[in-house]
């Protein structure tokens, strides 16, 4: 039996106990609350080694390598589309 090198989106959802759509939504937003992943063709794959390192960092942050910094905080991106009009004090 061979050992897996990658997890699929479905397997990550099961491991994190969230829905598959939740994982996909987080990926599209660039949310740092997911392990590192890469895109191969049309599929999103999560390396097993990166997942194990990420989960260890999430559980025991003081034992992680100092060379690897935690993921950057989520930054809100400017909305696309038509800008909203605010009253600006005009009636």
N, C-alpha and C. Protein backbone atom coordinates (compact mmCIF):
# COMPACT_ATOMS: atom_id res chain seq x y z
N UNK A 1 0.84 -1.18 0.00
CA UNK A 1 0.00 0.00 0.00
C UNK A 1 0.88 1.25 0.00
N UNK A 2 0.54 2.19 -0.81
CA UNK A 2 1.34 3.40 -0.95
C UNK A 2 0.77 4.53 -0.10
N UNK A 3 1.66 5.36 0.37
CA UNK A 3 1.25 6.49 1.20
C UNK A 3 0.89 7.68 0.30
N UNK A 4 -0.16 8.43 0.69
CA UNK A 4 -0.60 9.56 -0.10
C UNK A 4 0.34 10.75 0.07
N UNK A 5 0.50 11.51 -1.00
CA UNK A 5 1.30 12.73 -0.96
C UNK A 5 0.43 13.97 -0.86
N UNK A 6 -0.84 13.85 -1.31
CA UNK A 6 -1.74 15.00 -1.36
C UNK A 6 -3.12 14.65 -0.83
N UNK A 7 -3.78 15.65 -0.25
CA UNK A 7 -5.19 15.54 0.12
C UNK A 7 -6.01 16.32 -0.91
N UNK A 8 -7.23 15.88 -1.15
CA UNK A 8 -8.14 16.62 -2.01
C UNK A 8 -8.95 17.60 -1.16
N UNK A 9 -9.74 18.44 -1.81
CA UNK A 9 -10.60 19.39 -1.09
C UNK A 9 -11.58 18.62 -0.20
N UNK A 10 -12.11 17.53 -0.71
CA UNK A 10 -13.06 16.74 0.06
C UNK A 10 -12.42 16.15 1.31
N UNK A 11 -11.19 15.66 1.18
CA UNK A 11 -10.49 15.08 2.33
C UNK A 11 -10.14 16.14 3.36
N UNK A 12 -9.73 17.33 2.91
CA UNK A 12 -9.42 18.42 3.85
C UNK A 12 -10.68 18.84 4.59
N UNK A 13 -11.80 18.91 3.88
CA UNK A 13 -13.07 19.26 4.53
C UNK A 13 -13.41 18.25 5.62
N UNK A 14 -13.20 16.99 5.33
CA UNK A 14 -13.47 15.94 6.32
C UNK A 14 -12.52 16.05 7.51
N UNK A 15 -11.23 16.29 7.25
CA UNK A 15 -10.26 16.41 8.33
C UNK A 15 -10.55 17.62 9.24
N UNK A 16 -10.97 18.73 8.62
CA UNK A 16 -11.26 19.95 9.39
C UNK A 16 -12.69 20.00 9.90
N UNK A 17 -13.49 18.99 9.52
CA UNK A 17 -14.89 18.89 9.94
C UNK A 17 -15.71 20.11 9.54
N UNK A 18 -15.54 20.50 8.29
CA UNK A 18 -16.34 21.56 7.69
C UNK A 18 -16.87 21.03 6.35
N UNK A 19 -17.78 21.76 5.74
CA UNK A 19 -18.32 21.33 4.46
C UNK A 19 -17.34 21.63 3.34
N UNK A 20 -17.51 20.92 2.25
CA UNK A 20 -16.67 21.13 1.07
C UNK A 20 -16.86 22.55 0.55
N UNK A 21 -18.11 23.03 0.56
CA UNK A 21 -18.36 24.39 0.07
C UNK A 21 -17.69 25.43 0.96
N UNK A 22 -17.58 25.16 2.25
CA UNK A 22 -16.88 26.07 3.15
C UNK A 22 -15.40 26.15 2.79
N UNK A 23 -14.79 25.02 2.49
CA UNK A 23 -13.38 25.01 2.09
C UNK A 23 -13.21 25.79 0.78
N UNK A 24 -14.09 25.56 -0.17
CA UNK A 24 -13.99 26.26 -1.45
C UNK A 24 -14.19 27.76 -1.29
N UNK A 25 -15.14 28.16 -0.44
CA UNK A 25 -15.35 29.58 -0.18
C UNK A 25 -14.11 30.22 0.44
N UNK A 26 -13.52 29.54 1.41
CA UNK A 26 -12.30 30.06 2.05
C UNK A 26 -11.15 30.17 1.05
N UNK A 27 -11.03 29.19 0.17
CA UNK A 27 -9.98 29.25 -0.85
C UNK A 27 -10.17 30.44 -1.78
N UNK A 28 -11.40 30.69 -2.18
CA UNK A 28 -11.65 31.80 -3.11
C UNK A 28 -11.41 33.15 -2.46
N UNK A 29 -11.58 33.24 -1.14
CA UNK A 29 -11.33 34.49 -0.41
C UNK A 29 -9.87 34.66 -0.02
N UNK A 30 -9.08 33.60 -0.14
CA UNK A 30 -7.68 33.68 0.28
C UNK A 30 -7.56 33.64 1.79
N UNK A 31 -8.50 33.00 2.43
CA UNK A 31 -8.55 32.91 3.89
C UNK A 31 -7.36 32.11 4.44
N UNK A 32 -6.62 32.64 5.42
CA UNK A 32 -5.45 31.92 5.95
C UNK A 32 -5.81 30.81 6.93
N UNK A 33 -7.09 30.50 7.13
CA UNK A 33 -7.45 29.44 8.06
C UNK A 33 -7.51 28.08 7.38
N UNK A 34 -6.79 27.96 6.27
CA UNK A 34 -6.66 26.68 5.57
C UNK A 34 -5.18 26.37 5.41
N UNK A 35 -4.84 25.08 5.34
CA UNK A 35 -3.44 24.72 5.11
C UNK A 35 -2.99 25.13 3.71
N UNK A 36 -1.69 25.21 3.49
CA UNK A 36 -1.17 25.57 2.16
C UNK A 36 -1.65 24.57 1.10
N UNK A 37 -1.91 25.09 -0.08
CA UNK A 37 -2.38 24.23 -1.17
C UNK A 37 -1.76 24.69 -2.48
N UNK A 38 -1.94 23.86 -3.50
CA UNK A 38 -1.48 24.22 -4.83
C UNK A 38 -2.51 23.78 -5.84
N UNK A 39 -2.47 24.42 -6.98
CA UNK A 39 -3.43 24.12 -8.03
C UNK A 39 -2.72 23.30 -9.11
N UNK A 40 -3.28 22.14 -9.40
CA UNK A 40 -2.73 21.27 -10.42
C UNK A 40 -3.84 21.03 -11.44
N UNK A 41 -3.67 21.59 -12.62
CA UNK A 41 -4.74 21.52 -13.60
C UNK A 41 -5.94 22.27 -13.07
N UNK A 42 -7.07 21.64 -12.99
CA UNK A 42 -8.25 22.27 -12.44
C UNK A 42 -8.53 21.86 -11.01
N UNK A 43 -7.61 21.14 -10.39
CA UNK A 43 -7.83 20.63 -9.04
C UNK A 43 -6.98 21.37 -8.02
N UNK A 44 -7.49 21.49 -6.81
CA UNK A 44 -6.76 22.08 -5.70
C UNK A 44 -6.29 20.92 -4.82
N UNK A 45 -4.99 20.83 -4.60
CA UNK A 45 -4.41 19.76 -3.79
C UNK A 45 -3.66 20.33 -2.60
N UNK A 46 -3.70 19.61 -1.50
CA UNK A 46 -3.06 20.01 -0.26
C UNK A 46 -1.97 18.99 0.07
N UNK A 47 -0.68 19.37 0.00
CA UNK A 47 0.39 18.42 0.34
C UNK A 47 0.25 17.92 1.78
N UNK A 48 0.38 16.62 1.96
CA UNK A 48 0.22 16.01 3.29
C UNK A 48 1.24 16.58 4.26
N UNK A 49 2.50 16.72 3.84
CA UNK A 49 3.54 17.25 4.72
C UNK A 49 3.23 18.68 5.15
N UNK A 50 2.74 19.51 4.23
CA UNK A 50 2.40 20.89 4.56
C UNK A 50 1.21 20.94 5.50
N UNK A 51 0.24 20.04 5.30
CA UNK A 51 -0.92 19.97 6.20
C UNK A 51 -0.47 19.61 7.62
N UNK A 52 0.39 18.61 7.73
CA UNK A 52 0.85 18.17 9.05
C UNK A 52 1.62 19.28 9.77
N UNK A 53 2.46 20.01 9.03
CA UNK A 53 3.20 21.13 9.61
C UNK A 53 2.24 22.25 10.02
N UNK A 54 1.24 22.54 9.19
CA UNK A 54 0.26 23.59 9.47
C UNK A 54 -0.57 23.24 10.70
N UNK A 55 -1.04 22.00 10.79
CA UNK A 55 -1.89 21.61 11.92
C UNK A 55 -1.07 21.61 13.22
N UNK A 56 0.21 21.23 13.13
CA UNK A 56 1.07 21.28 14.32
C UNK A 56 1.25 22.72 14.77
N UNK A 57 1.42 23.63 13.82
CA UNK A 57 1.57 25.05 14.14
C UNK A 57 0.29 25.60 14.77
N UNK A 58 -0.87 25.15 14.29
CA UNK A 58 -2.14 25.62 14.83
C UNK A 58 -2.36 25.11 16.25
N UNK A 59 -1.91 23.89 16.54
CA UNK A 59 -2.12 23.29 17.86
C UNK A 59 -1.05 23.73 18.85
N UNK A 60 0.20 23.75 18.41
CA UNK A 60 1.32 24.07 19.29
C UNK A 60 2.19 25.15 18.65
N UNK A 61 1.75 26.42 18.67
CA UNK A 61 2.51 27.46 17.96
C UNK A 61 3.90 27.71 18.54
N UNK A 62 4.13 27.44 19.82
CA UNK A 62 5.44 27.72 20.40
C UNK A 62 6.50 26.70 19.97
N UNK A 63 6.09 25.53 19.49
CA UNK A 63 7.04 24.49 19.09
C UNK A 63 7.42 24.55 17.61
N UNK A 64 6.85 25.48 16.87
CA UNK A 64 7.14 25.56 15.43
C UNK A 64 8.49 26.20 15.17
N UNK A 65 8.97 25.99 13.97
CA UNK A 65 10.23 26.61 13.55
C UNK A 65 10.08 28.13 13.61
N UNK A 66 11.11 28.81 14.00
CA UNK A 66 11.08 30.26 13.99
C UNK A 66 11.23 30.80 12.57
N UNK A 67 11.79 29.98 11.67
CA UNK A 67 11.98 30.41 10.30
C UNK A 67 10.65 30.52 9.56
N UNK A 68 9.69 29.68 9.94
CA UNK A 68 8.39 29.74 9.26
C UNK A 68 7.46 30.63 10.06
N UNK A 69 7.04 31.70 9.43
CA UNK A 69 6.15 32.63 10.11
C UNK A 69 4.70 32.20 9.89
N UNK A 70 3.80 32.60 10.78
CA UNK A 70 2.40 32.26 10.59
C UNK A 70 1.85 32.96 9.36
N UNK A 71 0.76 32.46 8.82
CA UNK A 71 0.21 33.10 7.62
C UNK A 71 -0.23 34.53 7.92
N UNK A 72 -0.15 35.41 6.93
CA UNK A 72 -0.54 36.80 7.16
C UNK A 72 -2.03 36.89 7.47
N UNK A 73 -2.44 37.90 8.23
CA UNK A 73 -3.86 38.04 8.54
C UNK A 73 -4.66 38.35 7.28
N UNK A 74 -5.92 37.98 7.30
CA UNK A 74 -6.79 38.21 6.15
C UNK A 74 -6.98 39.70 5.95
N UNK A 75 -6.75 40.17 4.73
CA UNK A 75 -6.92 41.58 4.41
C UNK A 75 -8.12 41.71 3.50
N UNK A 76 -9.02 42.60 3.89
CA UNK A 76 -10.22 42.81 3.09
C UNK A 76 -9.85 43.46 1.77
N UNK A 77 -10.30 42.87 0.68
CA UNK A 77 -10.03 43.42 -0.63
C UNK A 77 -11.15 44.37 -1.01
N UNK A 78 -10.81 45.35 -1.80
CA UNK A 78 -11.80 46.31 -2.25
C UNK A 78 -12.84 45.58 -3.09
N UNK A 79 -14.09 45.95 -2.89
CA UNK A 79 -15.17 45.32 -3.63
C UNK A 79 -15.11 45.68 -5.10
N UNK A 80 -15.48 44.72 -5.93
CA UNK A 80 -15.55 44.97 -7.35
C UNK A 80 -16.95 45.46 -7.70
N UNK A 81 -17.06 46.13 -8.81
CA UNK A 81 -18.37 46.55 -9.28
C UNK A 81 -18.65 48.01 -9.01
N UNK A 82 -19.89 48.34 -9.08
CA UNK A 82 -20.34 49.72 -8.94
C UNK A 82 -20.21 50.20 -7.50
N UNK A 83 -19.64 51.38 -7.27
CA UNK A 83 -19.48 51.87 -5.89
C UNK A 83 -20.84 52.21 -5.27
N UNK A 84 -20.90 52.06 -3.97
CA UNK A 84 -22.13 52.42 -3.25
C UNK A 84 -22.18 53.90 -3.04
N UNK A 85 -23.38 54.45 -3.11
CA UNK A 85 -23.57 55.87 -2.84
C UNK A 85 -24.00 56.03 -1.40
N UNK A 86 -23.32 56.89 -0.69
CA UNK A 86 -23.72 57.20 0.68
C UNK A 86 -24.36 58.57 0.70
N UNK A 87 -25.16 58.81 1.73
CA UNK A 87 -25.89 60.07 1.77
C UNK A 87 -24.94 61.24 1.95
N UNK A 88 -23.88 61.09 2.71
CA UNK A 88 -22.91 62.17 2.89
C UNK A 88 -23.52 63.42 3.50
N UNK A 89 -24.60 63.26 4.23
CA UNK A 89 -25.23 64.39 4.89
C UNK A 89 -26.25 65.11 4.03
N UNK A 90 -26.40 64.68 2.79
CA UNK A 90 -27.39 65.31 1.90
C UNK A 90 -28.74 64.63 2.08
N UNK A 91 -29.78 65.40 2.08
CA UNK A 91 -31.10 64.84 2.27
C UNK A 91 -31.87 64.70 0.99
